[in-house]
């Protein structure tokens, strides 16, 4: 599983990265978490608000900090 956190590195983006990494560790899912800060790469996902979470090339949320329960549901699919 490949998870990307899209954002320039603002405090919200850092929070999302932390929460996603914690949730992945707690769930035991084999996933690689990558931070994407390049504006052109972010725009390539059709995302124009950050932070955003992309799992296996599917945009899961944009412009908000997801709750752990929400992230867990994405990891189970």
N, C-alpha and C. Protein backbone atom coordinates (compact mmCIF):
# COMPACT_ATOMS: atom_id res chain seq x y z
N UNK A 1 0.85 -1.17 0.00
CA UNK A 1 0.00 0.00 0.00
C UNK A 1 0.90 1.24 0.00
N UNK A 2 0.53 2.20 -0.83
CA UNK A 2 1.31 3.43 -0.92
C UNK A 2 0.43 4.60 -0.49
N UNK A 3 0.89 5.33 0.51
CA UNK A 3 0.14 6.47 1.03
C UNK A 3 0.97 7.73 0.81
N UNK A 4 0.34 8.75 0.26
CA UNK A 4 1.03 10.02 0.05
C UNK A 4 0.30 11.12 0.80
N UNK A 5 1.08 11.93 1.50
CA UNK A 5 0.56 13.10 2.17
C UNK A 5 0.96 14.28 1.29
N UNK A 6 -0.03 14.98 0.75
CA UNK A 6 0.25 16.09 -0.14
C UNK A 6 0.15 17.40 0.62
N UNK A 7 1.20 18.22 0.52
CA UNK A 7 1.17 19.52 1.17
C UNK A 7 2.55 20.15 1.22
N UNK A 8 2.57 21.47 1.37
CA UNK A 8 3.84 22.19 1.34
C UNK A 8 4.68 22.06 2.60
N UNK A 9 4.11 21.52 3.67
CA UNK A 9 4.87 21.36 4.92
C UNK A 9 4.35 22.24 6.04
N UNK A 10 3.14 22.75 5.88
CA UNK A 10 2.53 23.58 6.93
C UNK A 10 2.21 22.73 8.16
N UNK A 11 1.79 23.37 9.23
CA UNK A 11 1.53 22.62 10.47
C UNK A 11 0.41 21.60 10.29
N UNK A 12 -0.63 21.92 9.50
CA UNK A 12 -1.71 20.96 9.26
C UNK A 12 -1.19 19.75 8.50
N UNK A 13 -0.33 19.98 7.52
CA UNK A 13 0.25 18.89 6.74
C UNK A 13 1.09 17.98 7.64
N UNK A 14 1.84 18.60 8.56
CA UNK A 14 2.66 17.83 9.48
C UNK A 14 1.79 17.00 10.42
N UNK A 15 0.66 17.56 10.86
CA UNK A 15 -0.27 16.83 11.72
C UNK A 15 -0.84 15.62 10.99
N UNK A 16 -1.23 15.82 9.73
CA UNK A 16 -1.79 14.72 8.95
C UNK A 16 -0.75 13.62 8.78
N UNK A 17 0.47 13.98 8.47
CA UNK A 17 1.53 12.99 8.31
C UNK A 17 1.71 12.19 9.60
N UNK A 18 1.74 12.87 10.74
CA UNK A 18 1.91 12.21 12.04
C UNK A 18 0.75 11.25 12.32
N UNK A 19 -0.48 11.71 12.12
CA UNK A 19 -1.66 10.88 12.40
C UNK A 19 -1.69 9.66 11.48
N UNK A 20 -1.38 9.85 10.20
CA UNK A 20 -1.38 8.73 9.25
C UNK A 20 -0.32 7.71 9.66
N UNK A 21 0.88 8.16 9.98
CA UNK A 21 1.95 7.24 10.37
C UNK A 21 1.59 6.48 11.64
N UNK A 22 1.00 7.17 12.62
CA UNK A 22 0.57 6.51 13.86
C UNK A 22 -0.49 5.44 13.57
N UNK A 23 -1.45 5.78 12.73
CA UNK A 23 -2.54 4.86 12.43
C UNK A 23 -2.04 3.64 11.67
N UNK A 24 -1.13 3.85 10.74
CA UNK A 24 -0.54 2.74 9.99
C UNK A 24 0.20 1.81 10.96
N UNK A 25 0.99 2.38 11.87
CA UNK A 25 1.74 1.58 12.83
C UNK A 25 0.80 0.79 13.75
N UNK A 26 -0.27 1.44 14.21
CA UNK A 26 -1.23 0.78 15.10
C UNK A 26 -1.99 -0.34 14.40
N UNK A 27 -2.27 -0.16 13.12
CA UNK A 27 -3.08 -1.13 12.39
C UNK A 27 -2.26 -2.32 11.89
N UNK A 28 -0.94 -2.15 11.82
CA UNK A 28 -0.08 -3.23 11.35
C UNK A 28 -0.12 -3.44 9.85
N UNK A 29 -0.69 -2.50 9.13
CA UNK A 29 -0.77 -2.59 7.67
C UNK A 29 0.61 -2.31 7.08
N UNK A 30 0.96 -3.05 6.05
CA UNK A 30 2.23 -2.84 5.37
C UNK A 30 2.02 -1.70 4.36
N UNK A 31 2.49 -0.51 4.73
CA UNK A 31 2.30 0.65 3.88
C UNK A 31 3.53 1.54 3.91
N UNK A 32 3.75 2.20 2.79
CA UNK A 32 4.85 3.16 2.69
C UNK A 32 4.21 4.54 2.68
N UNK A 33 4.61 5.39 3.62
CA UNK A 33 4.07 6.75 3.71
C UNK A 33 5.10 7.72 3.15
N UNK A 34 4.66 8.52 2.19
CA UNK A 34 5.55 9.45 1.50
C UNK A 34 4.97 10.85 1.60
N UNK A 35 5.82 11.84 1.80
CA UNK A 35 5.40 13.23 1.85
C UNK A 35 5.68 13.85 0.49
N UNK A 36 4.68 14.48 -0.11
CA UNK A 36 4.83 15.12 -1.42
C UNK A 36 4.65 16.63 -1.23
N UNK A 37 5.70 17.40 -1.54
CA UNK A 37 5.63 18.84 -1.37
C UNK A 37 5.66 19.60 -2.69
N UNK A 38 5.98 18.91 -3.77
CA UNK A 38 6.06 19.54 -5.09
C UNK A 38 4.67 19.97 -5.57
N UNK A 39 4.49 21.26 -5.80
CA UNK A 39 3.19 21.82 -6.17
C UNK A 39 2.66 21.21 -7.46
N UNK A 40 3.51 20.99 -8.43
CA UNK A 40 3.06 20.42 -9.71
C UNK A 40 2.60 18.97 -9.54
N UNK A 41 3.30 18.22 -8.71
CA UNK A 41 2.91 16.82 -8.45
C UNK A 41 1.57 16.79 -7.70
N UNK A 42 1.41 17.70 -6.74
CA UNK A 42 0.15 17.78 -5.99
C UNK A 42 -0.99 18.12 -6.95
N UNK A 43 -0.78 19.09 -7.81
CA UNK A 43 -1.80 19.50 -8.79
C UNK A 43 -2.12 18.35 -9.75
N UNK A 44 -1.17 17.47 -10.00
CA UNK A 44 -1.38 16.32 -10.87
C UNK A 44 -2.44 15.37 -10.34
N UNK A 45 -2.70 15.43 -9.05
CA UNK A 45 -3.77 14.61 -8.45
C UNK A 45 -5.11 15.33 -8.49
N UNK A 46 -5.12 16.54 -9.05
CA UNK A 46 -6.36 17.32 -9.09
C UNK A 46 -6.66 17.95 -7.73
N UNK A 47 -5.64 18.05 -6.91
CA UNK A 47 -5.80 18.59 -5.56
C UNK A 47 -5.32 20.04 -5.55
N UNK A 48 -6.21 20.94 -5.11
CA UNK A 48 -5.84 22.35 -5.07
C UNK A 48 -5.98 22.91 -3.66
N UNK A 49 -6.18 22.04 -2.69
CA UNK A 49 -6.21 22.42 -1.28
C UNK A 49 -5.41 21.40 -0.52
N UNK A 50 -4.69 21.85 0.49
CA UNK A 50 -3.90 20.91 1.28
C UNK A 50 -4.25 21.08 2.75
N UNK A 51 -3.97 20.11 3.56
CA UNK A 51 -3.34 18.84 3.25
C UNK A 51 -4.30 17.89 2.54
N UNK A 52 -3.73 16.90 1.89
CA UNK A 52 -4.53 15.87 1.23
C UNK A 52 -3.86 14.51 1.47
N UNK A 53 -4.69 13.47 1.45
CA UNK A 53 -4.19 12.11 1.62
C UNK A 53 -4.58 11.31 0.38
N UNK A 54 -3.58 10.61 -0.19
CA UNK A 54 -3.78 9.77 -1.36
C UNK A 54 -3.34 8.36 -1.00
N UNK A 55 -4.22 7.39 -1.23
CA UNK A 55 -3.87 5.99 -0.97
C UNK A 55 -4.00 5.22 -2.27
N UNK A 56 -2.88 4.60 -2.68
CA UNK A 56 -2.83 3.85 -3.94
C UNK A 56 -3.43 4.67 -5.09
N UNK A 57 -2.97 5.91 -5.19
CA UNK A 57 -3.36 6.86 -6.26
C UNK A 57 -4.81 7.30 -6.21
N UNK A 58 -5.51 7.04 -5.12
CA UNK A 58 -6.90 7.50 -4.96
C UNK A 58 -6.94 8.57 -3.86
N UNK A 59 -7.41 9.77 -4.23
CA UNK A 59 -7.50 10.87 -3.27
C UNK A 59 -8.59 10.54 -2.25
N UNK A 60 -8.21 10.53 -0.97
CA UNK A 60 -9.15 10.18 0.10
C UNK A 60 -9.70 11.39 0.83
N UNK A 61 -8.90 12.42 1.01
CA UNK A 61 -9.41 13.64 1.64
C UNK A 61 -8.57 14.83 1.24
N UNK A 62 -9.20 16.00 1.25
CA UNK A 62 -8.54 17.23 0.84
C UNK A 62 -8.94 18.35 1.80
N UNK A 63 -7.95 19.12 2.23
CA UNK A 63 -8.21 20.33 2.99
C UNK A 63 -8.63 20.14 4.43
N UNK A 64 -8.41 18.95 4.98
CA UNK A 64 -8.78 18.74 6.39
C UNK A 64 -7.85 17.71 7.02
N UNK A 65 -7.91 17.65 8.34
CA UNK A 65 -7.14 16.66 9.08
C UNK A 65 -8.08 15.50 9.40
N UNK A 66 -7.87 14.34 8.77
CA UNK A 66 -8.77 13.21 9.01
C UNK A 66 -8.59 12.62 10.41
N UNK A 67 -9.64 12.03 10.93
CA UNK A 67 -9.59 11.35 12.22
C UNK A 67 -9.01 9.96 12.01
N UNK A 68 -8.44 9.39 13.07
CA UNK A 68 -7.84 8.05 12.98
C UNK A 68 -8.84 7.01 12.50
N UNK A 69 -10.10 7.10 12.95
CA UNK A 69 -11.12 6.13 12.54
C UNK A 69 -11.32 6.17 11.02
N UNK A 70 -11.29 7.38 10.48
CA UNK A 70 -11.46 7.55 9.03
C UNK A 70 -10.28 6.92 8.29
N UNK A 71 -9.07 7.16 8.78
CA UNK A 71 -7.87 6.61 8.16
C UNK A 71 -7.90 5.09 8.23
N UNK A 72 -8.31 4.54 9.39
CA UNK A 72 -8.40 3.08 9.53
C UNK A 72 -9.33 2.48 8.48
N UNK A 73 -10.45 3.15 8.23
CA UNK A 73 -11.40 2.62 7.25
C UNK A 73 -10.78 2.60 5.85
N UNK A 74 -9.94 3.57 5.55
CA UNK A 74 -9.27 3.57 4.25
C UNK A 74 -8.25 2.45 4.17
N UNK A 75 -7.58 2.15 5.28
CA UNK A 75 -6.55 1.11 5.28
C UNK A 75 -7.14 -0.29 5.14
N UNK A 76 -8.37 -0.46 5.58
CA UNK A 76 -9.02 -1.77 5.53
C UNK A 76 -9.51 -2.15 4.14
N UNK A 77 -9.60 -1.19 3.25
CA UNK A 77 -10.14 -1.46 1.91
C UNK A 77 -9.08 -1.93 0.96
